[in-house]
Amino acid sequence: MNNMKYSGTTVYCQLDSESDRKGYLASSITTMPNRRIERGTKLAGIKLYKHGVLPLDTTLDILEYSRRTFFHTLKLWREIGDVVSAPSNIRGRPRVLDYDDLQYLLLLIEQNPDYFLDELLDLVETNCFISVHFSTILRTLERAGVSRKKLRKIAIERDELGRAEFVHHMSQYRPEYLGFLDETSKDERTLARGFGRSKRGRRAAKKEAFKYGRRTSTEALLTLDGIVACKVVEGSMTKELFLQWLECNVVSTFILLRDGMHIQPNSASQMQPIPWPFQCTSDG
C-alpha cells in the first residue's frame, strides 16, 4: 500500500496492483461523529423500519447514523409521538434561589422597601436556610424587575379613614365652588440648577449667586377658571397680609363668581360678574 486518501468519512486506498491503480473503493469504513441529525432523516428511518421496506442495517447505512441513535429515536417516537425531544425552557445551570425564595424576597421588599442587601441576606439565611452572597440576591431582584430608586416617604400619621371621609364630604359641592390656595417664594438662588455635565474625571462647575438677594412670596387661588386671585409681597407673607388678602380678594371673588352663576334671566343686564384681572399685583 503506497498511500491512503480520505474523502469525508470514507477511506479510499490505492494498492500496487494494476487493477488497483484505476482507483476503486477498497473498504468503506463509516464513522459516527457527534453531529446533528435532521428531524426528517430520523423520521425517514422510523418509517422505513415500521413498514419493513429495507432491513435495519441497510437503512442505517443509507441514512448514516448508528443503531444506538436509531433506537433512541424509536423510543422517543413511541413515548411522545415525535423523533425530537421538546425544547426545555430551562437555560443554564439551576438557580440557587428558586421561585419560592424569590417570592419571599419580593414580599420583604413590599413590606419594607428600604432593606439593605445584607439585611435581605440575613433574612433569607435565617428563614429560608440558604446561604448565598449578596450579589446573588441583587441579580435575582434585577431579573425580577426590581430596581433601586428614590424612596417616596408617606407620613405614618396619615389617617386613611379621615381622608376618605373628607373626600366624601367634599363630593357634595360642585367643582365650580372649590378653590385651592398655595404659597411659593422666590429669591436669587431659586433658579440655580443642581446638576450639570462635564467630561469624565472633571467636576462640573458654574458660577452662581450665593446670596439670597431679594425674596418675594406669592399667594394664589386656583379654580376651574385658572388663577383668579393672587398676591405678591416682598419678604414673607405675614398673618395680617394673608387675612387681608383672604377677605378682600378671595372671598369677594367667590361671591362674585357665585352670583354670576345664579343670575336670573330678567336681571342679567343688572347683575354681571366682575372679571378678575389675571395679572398679579405686587404690594410692598
C-alpha atoms as a PDB file:
ATOM      1  CA  MET A   1       0.000   0.000   0.000  1.00  0.00           C
ATOM      2  CA  ASN A   2       1.538   3.274  -1.134  1.00  0.00           C
ATOM      3  CA  ASN A   3      -0.780   5.924   0.137  1.00  0.00           C
ATOM      4  CA  MET A   4      -4.228   6.446   1.530  1.00  0.00           C
ATOM      5  CA  LYS A   5      -6.742   9.207   0.847  1.00  0.00           C
ATOM      6  CA  TYR A   6      -9.692  10.299   2.957  1.00  0.00           C
ATOM      7  CA  SER A   7     -12.923  11.614   1.498  1.00  0.00           C
ATOM      8  CA  GLY A   8     -15.304  12.654   4.265  1.00  0.00           C
ATOM      9  CA  THR A   9     -15.741   9.599   6.467  1.00  0.00           C
ATOM     10  CA  THR A  10     -14.987   7.019   3.732  1.00  0.00           C
ATOM     11  CA  VAL A  11     -11.404   5.670   3.334  1.00  0.00           C
ATOM     12  CA  TYR A  12     -10.052   5.134  -0.191  1.00  0.00           C
ATOM     13  CA  CYS A  13      -6.863   3.107  -0.692  1.00  0.00           C
ATOM     14  CA  GLN A  14      -4.567   2.799  -3.716  1.00  0.00           C
ATOM     15  CA  LEU A  15      -2.743  -0.521  -3.966  1.00  0.00           C
ATOM     16  CA  ASP A  16       0.280  -1.553  -6.025  1.00  0.00           C
ATOM     17  CA  SER A  17      -1.596  -3.975  -8.248  1.00  0.00           C
ATOM     18  CA  GLU A  18      -2.607  -2.926 -11.754  1.00  0.00           C
ATOM     19  CA  SER A  19      -6.307  -3.232 -11.072  1.00  0.00           C
ATOM     20  CA  ASP A  20      -5.969  -1.077  -8.013  1.00  0.00           C
ATOM     21  CA  ARG A  21      -4.321   1.745  -9.935  1.00  0.00           C
ATOM     22  CA  LYS A  22      -7.667   2.531 -11.582  1.00  0.00           C
ATOM     23  CA  GLY A  23      -8.914   3.518  -8.138  1.00  0.00           C
ATOM     24  CA  TYR A  24     -11.716   1.681  -6.500  1.00  0.00           C
ATOM     25  CA  LEU A  25     -13.119   1.554  -3.072  1.00  0.00           C
ATOM     26  CA  ALA A  26     -11.074  -0.966  -1.127  1.00  0.00           C
ATOM     27  CA  SER A  27     -13.004  -0.659   2.096  1.00  0.00           C
ATOM     28  CA  SER A  28     -15.799   1.558   3.293  1.00  0.00           C
ATOM     29  CA  ILE A  29     -15.402   2.485   6.920  1.00  0.00           C
ATOM     30  CA  THR A  30     -18.246   4.689   8.144  1.00  0.00           C
ATOM     31  CA  THR A  31     -17.616   6.535  11.396  1.00  0.00           C
ATOM     32  CA  MET A  32     -20.255   8.098  13.626  1.00  0.00           C
ATOM     33  CA  PRO A  33     -19.083  11.542  14.710  1.00  0.00           C
ATOM     34  CA  ASN A  34     -21.042  13.720  17.082  1.00  0.00           C
ATOM     35  CA  ARG A  35     -23.230  15.580  14.630  1.00  0.00           C
ATOM     36  CA  ARG A  36     -26.757  16.912  14.411  1.00  0.00           C
ATOM     37  CA  ILE A  37     -29.147  14.664  12.520  1.00  0.00           C
ATOM     38  CA  GLU A  38     -32.077  16.343  10.862  1.00  0.00           C
ATOM     39  CA  ARG A  39     -35.576  15.529  12.025  1.00  0.00           C
ATOM     40  CA  GLY A  40     -36.603  14.377   8.542  1.00  0.00           C
ATOM     41  CA  THR A  41     -33.737  11.876   8.429  1.00  0.00           C
ATOM     42  CA  LYS A  42     -34.766  10.339  11.750  1.00  0.00           C
ATOM     43  CA  LEU A  43     -38.395  10.247  10.682  1.00  0.00           C
ATOM     44  CA  ALA A  44     -37.484   8.523   7.411  1.00  0.00           C
ATOM     45  CA  GLY A  45     -35.606   5.817   9.317  1.00  0.00           C
ATOM     46  CA  ILE A  46     -38.609   5.207  11.577  1.00  0.00           C
ATOM     47  CA  LYS A  47     -40.969   4.939   8.572  1.00  0.00           C
ATOM     48  CA  LEU A  48     -38.687   2.539   6.703  1.00  0.00           C
ATOM     49  CA  TYR A  49     -38.324   0.361   9.802  1.00  0.00           C
ATOM     50  CA  LYS A  50     -42.052   0.270  10.608  1.00  0.00           C
ATOM     51  CA  HIS A  51     -43.145  -0.621   7.072  1.00  0.00           C
ATOM     52  CA  GLY A  52     -40.328  -3.155   6.555  1.00  0.00           C
ATOM     53  CA  VAL A  53     -39.163  -1.594   3.301  1.00  0.00           C
ATOM     54  CA  LEU A  54     -35.470  -2.240   3.976  1.00  0.00           C
ATOM     55  CA  PRO A  55     -33.530  -4.206   6.551  1.00  0.00           C
ATOM     56  CA  LEU A  56     -32.418  -2.147   9.531  1.00  0.00           C
ATOM     57  CA  ASP A  57     -28.700  -2.388   8.729  1.00  0.00           C
ATOM     58  CA  THR A  58     -29.291  -1.231   5.160  1.00  0.00           C
ATOM     59  CA  THR A  59     -31.450   1.653   6.393  1.00  0.00           C
ATOM     60  CA  LEU A  60     -28.749   2.760   8.816  1.00  0.00           C
ATOM     61  CA  ASP A  61     -26.080   2.567   6.105  1.00  0.00           C
ATOM     62  CA  ILE A  62     -28.183   4.758   3.814  1.00  0.00           C
ATOM     63  CA  LEU A  63     -29.119   7.314   6.478  1.00  0.00           C
ATOM     64  CA  GLU A  64     -25.636   7.196   8.053  1.00  0.00           C
ATOM     65  CA  TYR A  65     -26.401   7.062  11.755  1.00  0.00           C
ATOM     66  CA  SER A  66     -25.816   4.429  14.412  1.00  0.00           C
ATOM     67  CA  ARG A  67     -28.086   1.770  15.843  1.00  0.00           C
ATOM     68  CA  ARG A  68     -27.945   3.455  19.236  1.00  0.00           C
ATOM     69  CA  THR A  69     -29.236   6.710  17.757  1.00  0.00           C
ATOM     70  CA  PHE A  70     -31.959   4.819  15.877  1.00  0.00           C
ATOM     71  CA  PHE A  71     -33.286   3.007  18.937  1.00  0.00           C
ATOM     72  CA  HIS A  72     -33.134   6.206  20.995  1.00  0.00           C
ATOM     73  CA  THR A  73     -35.198   7.895  18.267  1.00  0.00           C
ATOM     74  CA  LEU A  74     -37.596   4.926  18.189  1.00  0.00           C
ATOM     75  CA  LYS A  75     -38.079   5.218  21.956  1.00  0.00           C
ATOM     76  CA  LEU A  76     -38.930   8.906  21.625  1.00  0.00           C
ATOM     77  CA  TRP A  77     -41.381   8.096  18.822  1.00  0.00           C
ATOM     78  CA  ARG A  78     -43.196   5.557  20.973  1.00  0.00           C
ATOM     79  CA  GLU A  79     -43.277   7.835  24.055  1.00  0.00           C
ATOM     80  CA  ILE A  80     -44.094  11.286  22.681  1.00  0.00           C
ATOM     81  CA  GLY A  81     -45.021  10.635  19.032  1.00  0.00           C
ATOM     82  CA  ASP A  82     -42.067  12.585  17.656  1.00  0.00           C
ATOM     83  CA  VAL A  83     -38.415  11.906  16.868  1.00  0.00           C
ATOM     84  CA  VAL A  84     -37.105  15.099  18.506  1.00  0.00           C
ATOM     85  CA  SER A  85     -37.371  15.977  22.189  1.00  0.00           C
ATOM     86  CA  ALA A  86     -39.335  19.074  23.125  1.00  0.00           C
ATOM     87  CA  PRO A  87     -37.079  22.078  23.855  1.00  0.00           C
ATOM     88  CA  SER A  88     -36.574  22.764  27.531  1.00  0.00           C
ATOM     89  CA  ASN A  89     -37.427  26.155  28.990  1.00  0.00           C
ATOM     90  CA  ILE A  90     -34.576  25.879  31.481  1.00  0.00           C
ATOM     91  CA  ARG A  91     -31.368  27.513  30.308  1.00  0.00           C
ATOM     92  CA  GLY A  92     -28.044  27.350  32.073  1.00  0.00           C
ATOM     93  CA  ARG A  93     -27.378  25.912  35.486  1.00  0.00           C
ATOM     94  CA  PRO A  94     -30.118  25.768  38.142  1.00  0.00           C
ATOM     95  CA  ARG A  95     -30.658  28.915  40.169  1.00  0.00           C
ATOM     96  CA  VAL A  96     -29.602  28.928  43.799  1.00  0.00           C
ATOM     97  CA  LEU A  97     -32.738  30.890  44.713  1.00  0.00           C
ATOM     98  CA  ASP A  98     -35.861  29.216  43.360  1.00  0.00           C
ATOM     99  CA  TYR A  99     -39.349  30.652  42.782  1.00  0.00           C
ATOM    100  CA  ASP A 100     -40.399  30.447  46.435  1.00  0.00           C
ATOM    101  CA  ASP A 101     -37.251  32.233  47.567  1.00  0.00           C
ATOM    102  CA  LEU A 102     -37.859  34.987  45.016  1.00  0.00           C
ATOM    103  CA  GLN A 103     -41.441  35.431  46.202  1.00  0.00           C
ATOM    104  CA  TYR A 104     -40.176  35.729  49.769  1.00  0.00           C
ATOM    105  CA  LEU A 105     -37.726  38.465  48.708  1.00  0.00           C
ATOM    106  CA  LEU A 106     -40.472  40.330  46.882  1.00  0.00           C
ATOM    107  CA  LEU A 107     -42.691  40.104  49.961  1.00  0.00           C
ATOM    108  CA  LEU A 108     -39.923  41.537  52.135  1.00  0.00           C
ATOM    109  CA  ILE A 109     -39.374  44.443  49.725  1.00  0.00           C
ATOM    110  CA  GLU A 110     -43.095  45.143  49.546  1.00  0.00           C
ATOM    111  CA  GLN A 111     -43.297  45.359  53.338  1.00  0.00           C
ATOM    112  CA  ASN A 112     -40.099  47.361  53.754  1.00  0.00           C
ATOM    113  CA  PRO A 113     -38.657  48.842  50.519  1.00  0.00           C
ATOM    114  CA  ASP A 114     -35.523  50.299  52.175  1.00  0.00           C
ATOM    115  CA  TYR A 115     -33.921  46.989  53.159  1.00  0.00           C
ATOM    116  CA  PHE A 116     -30.178  46.788  52.521  1.00  0.00           C
ATOM    117  CA  LEU A 117     -28.781  43.771  50.688  1.00  0.00           C
ATOM    118  CA  ASP A 118     -27.045  42.464  53.812  1.00  0.00           C
ATOM    119  CA  GLU A 119     -30.347  42.665  55.719  1.00  0.00           C
ATOM    120  CA  LEU A 120     -32.095  40.662  52.997  1.00  0.00           C
ATOM    121  CA  LEU A 121     -29.194  38.227  53.097  1.00  0.00           C
ATOM    122  CA  ASP A 122     -29.648  37.638  56.846  1.00  0.00           C
ATOM    123  CA  LEU A 123     -33.412  37.182  56.488  1.00  0.00           C
ATOM    124  CA  VAL A 124     -33.028  34.660  53.645  1.00  0.00           C
ATOM    125  CA  GLU A 125     -30.385  32.735  55.568  1.00  0.00           C
ATOM    126  CA  THR A 126     -32.481  32.704  58.751  1.00  0.00           C
ATOM    127  CA  ASN A 127     -35.908  31.923  57.301  1.00  0.00           C
ATOM    128  CA  CYS A 128     -35.106  30.026  54.077  1.00  0.00           C
ATOM    129  CA  PHE A 129     -31.942  28.257  55.311  1.00  0.00           C
ATOM    130  CA  ILE A 130     -29.995  29.314  52.217  1.00  0.00           C
ATOM    131  CA  SER A 131     -26.529  30.835  52.400  1.00  0.00           C
ATOM    132  CA  VAL A 132     -25.737  32.962  49.343  1.00  0.00           C
ATOM    133  CA  HIS A 133     -23.718  36.055  48.517  1.00  0.00           C
ATOM    134  CA  PHE A 134     -25.457  39.433  48.489  1.00  0.00           C
ATOM    135  CA  SER A 135     -24.611  39.767  44.781  1.00  0.00           C
ATOM    136  CA  THR A 136     -26.810  36.725  44.124  1.00  0.00           C
ATOM    137  CA  ILE A 137     -29.726  38.499  45.796  1.00  0.00           C
ATOM    138  CA  LEU A 138     -29.025  41.623  43.734  1.00  0.00           C
ATOM    139  CA  ARG A 139     -29.024  39.731  40.420  1.00  0.00           C
ATOM    140  CA  THR A 140     -32.155  37.797  41.409  1.00  0.00           C
ATOM    141  CA  LEU A 141     -34.022  41.032  42.136  1.00  0.00           C
ATOM    142  CA  GLU A 142     -32.809  42.635  38.898  1.00  0.00           C
ATOM    143  CA  ARG A 143     -34.073  39.660  36.870  1.00  0.00           C
ATOM    144  CA  ALA A 144     -37.436  40.066  38.633  1.00  0.00           C
ATOM    145  CA  GLY A 145     -37.613  43.718  37.539  1.00  0.00           C
ATOM    146  CA  VAL A 146     -36.805  45.238  40.939  1.00  0.00           C
ATOM    147  CA  SER A 147     -34.524  48.289  40.773  1.00  0.00           C
ATOM    148  CA  ARG A 148     -33.182  50.798  43.278  1.00  0.00           C
ATOM    149  CA  LYS A 149     -34.850  54.206  43.113  1.00  0.00           C
ATOM    150  CA  LYS A 150     -35.572  57.271  45.221  1.00  0.00           C
ATOM    151  CA  LEU A 151     -37.831  56.426  48.154  1.00  0.00           C
ATOM    152  CA  ARG A 152     -41.109  58.312  48.438  1.00  0.00           C
ATOM    153  CA  LYS A 153     -41.937  58.864  52.075  1.00  0.00           C
ATOM    154  CA  ILE A 154     -45.547  58.678  53.276  1.00  0.00           C
ATOM    155  CA  ALA A 155     -46.462  60.144  56.652  1.00  0.00           C
ATOM    156  CA  ILE A 156     -47.219  57.391  59.128  1.00  0.00           C
ATOM    157  CA  GLU A 157     -49.618  59.773  60.905  1.00  0.00           C
ATOM    158  CA  ARG A 158     -51.868  59.960  57.835  1.00  0.00           C
ATOM    159  CA  ASP A 159     -55.380  58.724  58.542  1.00  0.00           C
ATOM    160  CA  GLU A 160     -56.751  56.877  55.544  1.00  0.00           C
ATOM    161  CA  LEU A 161     -60.249  56.764  57.052  1.00  0.00           C
ATOM    162  CA  GLY A 162     -60.185  60.502  57.666  1.00  0.00           C
ATOM    163  CA  ARG A 163     -59.037  61.128  54.096  1.00  0.00           C
ATOM    164  CA  ALA A 164     -61.907  59.031  52.768  1.00  0.00           C
ATOM    165  CA  GLU A 165     -64.399  60.931  54.934  1.00  0.00           C
ATOM    166  CA  PHE A 166     -63.009  64.250  53.690  1.00  0.00           C
ATOM    167  CA  VAL A 167     -63.376  63.160  50.062  1.00  0.00           C
ATOM    168  CA  HIS A 168     -66.949  62.059  50.749  1.00  0.00           C
ATOM    169  CA  HIS A 169     -67.728  65.370  52.445  1.00  0.00           C
ATOM    170  CA  MET A 170     -66.264  67.458  49.613  1.00  0.00           C
ATOM    171  CA  SER A 171     -68.154  65.457  46.969  1.00  0.00           C
ATOM    172  CA  GLN A 172     -71.355  67.310  47.893  1.00  0.00           C
ATOM    173  CA  TYR A 173     -70.005  70.548  46.402  1.00  0.00           C
ATOM    174  CA  ARG A 174     -69.917  71.383  42.736  1.00  0.00           C
ATOM    175  CA  PRO A 175     -66.445  71.768  41.187  1.00  0.00           C
ATOM    176  CA  GLU A 176     -67.175  75.446  40.438  1.00  0.00           C
ATOM    177  CA  TYR A 177     -67.482  76.113  44.176  1.00  0.00           C
ATOM    178  CA  LEU A 178     -63.999  74.808  45.025  1.00  0.00           C
ATOM    179  CA  GLY A 179     -60.774  76.772  45.133  1.00  0.00           C
ATOM    180  CA  PHE A 180     -57.253  75.852  46.195  1.00  0.00           C
ATOM    181  CA  LEU A 181     -54.734  78.144  47.893  1.00  0.00           C
ATOM    182  CA  ASP A 182     -50.981  77.737  47.720  1.00  0.00           C
ATOM    183  CA  GLU A 183     -47.909  79.782  48.528  1.00  0.00           C
ATOM    184  CA  THR A 184     -44.475  79.880  46.948  1.00  0.00           C
ATOM    185  CA  SER A 185     -41.381  82.016  47.295  1.00  0.00           C
ATOM    186  CA  LYS A 186     -38.513  83.073  45.052  1.00  0.00           C
ATOM    187  CA  ASP A 187     -35.061  84.533  45.572  1.00  0.00           C
ATOM    188  CA  GLU A 188     -31.845  84.825  43.585  1.00  0.00           C
ATOM    189  CA  ARG A 189     -30.974  81.156  44.237  1.00  0.00           C
ATOM    190  CA  THR A 190     -34.304  79.644  43.163  1.00  0.00           C
ATOM    191  CA  LEU A 191     -33.333  79.148  39.516  1.00  0.00           C
ATOM    192  CA  ALA A 192     -29.930  77.598  40.324  1.00  0.00           C
ATOM    193  CA  ARG A 193     -29.649  74.073  38.908  1.00  0.00           C
ATOM    194  CA  GLY A 194     -28.155  71.282  40.936  1.00  0.00           C
ATOM    195  CA  PHE A 195     -26.922  69.016  38.114  1.00  0.00           C
ATOM    196  CA  GLY A 196     -24.638  69.655  35.136  1.00  0.00           C
ATOM    197  CA  ARG A 197     -22.416  67.899  32.584  1.00  0.00           C
ATOM    198  CA  SER A 198     -18.660  67.629  32.163  1.00  0.00           C
ATOM    199  CA  LYS A 199     -16.090  65.139  30.893  1.00  0.00           C
ATOM    200  CA  ARG A 200     -15.353  62.084  32.948  1.00  0.00           C
ATOM    201  CA  GLY A 201     -12.926  62.794  35.758  1.00  0.00           C
ATOM    202  CA  ARG A 202     -13.663  66.540  35.855  1.00  0.00           C
ATOM    203  CA  ARG A 203     -16.051  68.446  38.091  1.00  0.00           C
ATOM    204  CA  ALA A 204     -18.979  70.329  36.585  1.00  0.00           C
ATOM    205  CA  ALA A 205     -18.653  73.910  37.897  1.00  0.00           C
ATOM    206  CA  LYS A 206     -20.535  77.134  37.223  1.00  0.00           C
ATOM    207  CA  LYS A 207     -20.570  80.497  38.946  1.00  0.00           C
ATOM    208  CA  GLU A 208     -23.823  81.127  40.803  1.00  0.00           C
ATOM    209  CA  ALA A 209     -25.114  83.681  43.292  1.00  0.00           C
ATOM    210  CA  PHE A 210     -24.687  82.553  46.904  1.00  0.00           C
ATOM    211  CA  LYS A 211     -26.726  85.397  48.368  1.00  0.00           C
ATOM    212  CA  TYR A 212     -30.466  85.087  48.650  1.00  0.00           C
ATOM    213  CA  GLY A 213     -30.961  88.662  47.414  1.00  0.00           C
ATOM    214  CA  ARG A 214     -34.493  89.959  47.065  1.00  0.00           C
ATOM    215  CA  ARG A 215     -37.081  87.438  48.221  1.00  0.00           C
ATOM    216  CA  THR A 216     -40.743  87.509  47.212  1.00  0.00           C
ATOM    217  CA  SER A 217     -43.703  85.461  48.410  1.00  0.00           C
ATOM    218  CA  THR A 218     -46.701  84.665  46.223  1.00  0.00           C
ATOM    219  CA  GLU A 219     -50.195  83.532  47.200  1.00  0.00           C
ATOM    220  CA  ALA A 220     -52.640  82.311  44.556  1.00  0.00           C
ATOM    221  CA  LEU A 221     -56.175  80.935  44.315  1.00  0.00           C
ATOM    222  CA  LEU A 222     -56.689  78.211  41.719  1.00  0.00           C
ATOM    223  CA  THR A 223     -60.160  77.316  40.390  1.00  0.00           C
ATOM    224  CA  LEU A 224     -61.567  75.703  37.269  1.00  0.00           C
ATOM    225  CA  ASP A 225     -61.130  79.059  35.517  1.00  0.00           C
ATOM    226  CA  GLY A 226     -57.443  79.196  36.415  1.00  0.00           C
ATOM    227  CA  ILE A 227     -55.784  81.589  38.853  1.00  0.00           C
ATOM    228  CA  VAL A 228     -58.480  84.132  39.747  1.00  0.00           C
ATOM    229  CA  ALA A 229     -56.835  85.852  42.728  1.00  0.00           C
ATOM    230  CA  CYS A 230     -53.183  86.297  43.570  1.00  0.00           C
ATOM    231  CA  LYS A 231     -50.903  88.499  45.649  1.00  0.00           C
ATOM    232  CA  VAL A 232     -47.153  89.034  45.631  1.00  0.00           C
ATOM    233  CA  VAL A 233     -45.299  90.657  48.540  1.00  0.00           C
ATOM    234  CA  GLU A 234     -41.642  91.273  49.179  1.00  0.00           C
ATOM    235  CA  GLY A 235     -40.321  89.182  52.016  1.00  0.00           C
ATOM    236  CA  SER A 236     -42.551  86.750  53.880  1.00  0.00           C
ATOM    237  CA  MET A 237     -46.351  86.683  53.846  1.00  0.00           C
ATOM    238  CA  THR A 238     -47.463  87.787  57.320  1.00  0.00           C
ATOM    239  CA  LYS A 239     -50.668  86.854  59.060  1.00  0.00           C
ATOM    240  CA  GLU A 240     -52.172  90.315  58.656  1.00  0.00           C
ATOM    241  CA  LEU A 241     -51.428  90.468  54.924  1.00  0.00           C
ATOM    242  CA  PHE A 242     -52.785  86.965  54.395  1.00  0.00           C
ATOM    243  CA  LEU A 243     -56.076  87.661  56.216  1.00  0.00           C
ATOM    244  CA  GLN A 244     -56.493  90.931  54.346  1.00  0.00           C
ATOM    245  CA  TRP A 245     -55.950  89.220  51.001  1.00  0.00           C
ATOM    246  CA  LEU A 246     -58.241  86.359  52.024  1.00  0.00           C
ATOM    247  CA  GLU A 247     -61.077  88.719  52.960  1.00  0.00           C
ATOM    248  CA  CYS A 248     -60.784  91.341  50.258  1.00  0.00           C
ATOM    249  CA  ASN A 249     -59.750  89.218  47.293  1.00  0.00           C
ATOM    250  CA  VAL A 250     -60.555  85.538  47.762  1.00  0.00           C
ATOM    251  CA  VAL A 251     -63.937  85.796  49.491  1.00  0.00           C
ATOM    252  CA  SER A 252     -65.164  88.618  47.265  1.00  0.00           C
ATOM    253  CA  THR A 253     -64.094  86.718  44.174  1.00  0.00           C
ATOM    254  CA  PHE A 254     -66.093  83.653  45.208  1.00  0.00           C
ATOM    255  CA  ILE A 255     -69.139  85.794  45.946  1.00  0.00           C
ATOM    256  CA  LEU A 256     -68.955  87.397  42.518  1.00  0.00           C
ATOM    257  CA  LEU A 257     -68.479  84.050  40.813  1.00  0.00           C
ATOM    258  CA  ARG A 258     -71.368  82.521  42.766  1.00  0.00           C
ATOM    259  CA  ASP A 259     -73.704  85.419  41.939  1.00  0.00           C
ATOM    260  CA  GLY A 260     -72.666  85.218  38.313  1.00  0.00           C
ATOM    261  CA  MET A 261     -73.669  81.558  38.114  1.00  0.00           C
ATOM    262  CA  HIS A 262     -77.108  82.212  39.665  1.00  0.00           C
ATOM    263  CA  ILE A 263     -78.208  85.225  37.568  1.00  0.00           C
ATOM    264  CA  GLN A 264     -81.873  85.251  36.680  1.00  0.00           C
ATOM    265  CA  PRO A 265     -82.764  85.816  33.003  1.00  0.00           C
ATOM    266  CA  ASN A 266     -84.740  89.038  33.717  1.00  0.00           C
ATOM    267  CA  SER A 267     -81.918  90.637  35.708  1.00  0.00           C
ATOM    268  CA  ALA A 268     -78.963  89.550  33.624  1.00  0.00           C
ATOM    269  CA  SER A 269     -78.294  93.110  32.428  1.00  0.00           C
ATOM    270  CA  GLN A 270     -78.119  94.421  36.010  1.00  0.00           C
ATOM    271  CA  MET A 271     -76.093  91.626  37.688  1.00  0.00           C
ATOM    272  CA  GLN A 272     -72.954  90.837  35.744  1.00  0.00           C
ATOM    273  CA  PRO A 273     -69.938  89.224  37.450  1.00  0.00           C
ATOM    274  CA  ILE A 274     -66.905  91.470  37.601  1.00  0.00           C
ATOM    275  CA  PRO A 275     -63.987  89.736  35.801  1.00  0.00           C
ATOM    276  CA  TRP A 276     -60.909  89.482  37.988  1.00  0.00           C
ATOM    277  CA  PRO A 277     -57.632  90.503  36.319  1.00  0.00           C
ATOM    278  CA  PHE A 278     -55.325  87.539  35.768  1.00  0.00           C
ATOM    279  CA  GLN A 279     -52.196  89.632  36.184  1.00  0.00           C
ATOM    280  CA  CYS A 280     -50.802  89.510  39.717  1.00  0.00           C
ATOM    281  CA  THR A 281     -50.344  92.803  41.542  1.00  0.00           C
ATOM    282  CA  SER A 282     -47.249  93.436  43.609  1.00  0.00           C
ATOM    283  CA  ASP A 283     -47.581  95.091  47.010  1.00  0.00           C
ATOM    284  CA  GLY A 284     -44.863  96.366  49.325  1.00  0.00           C
END
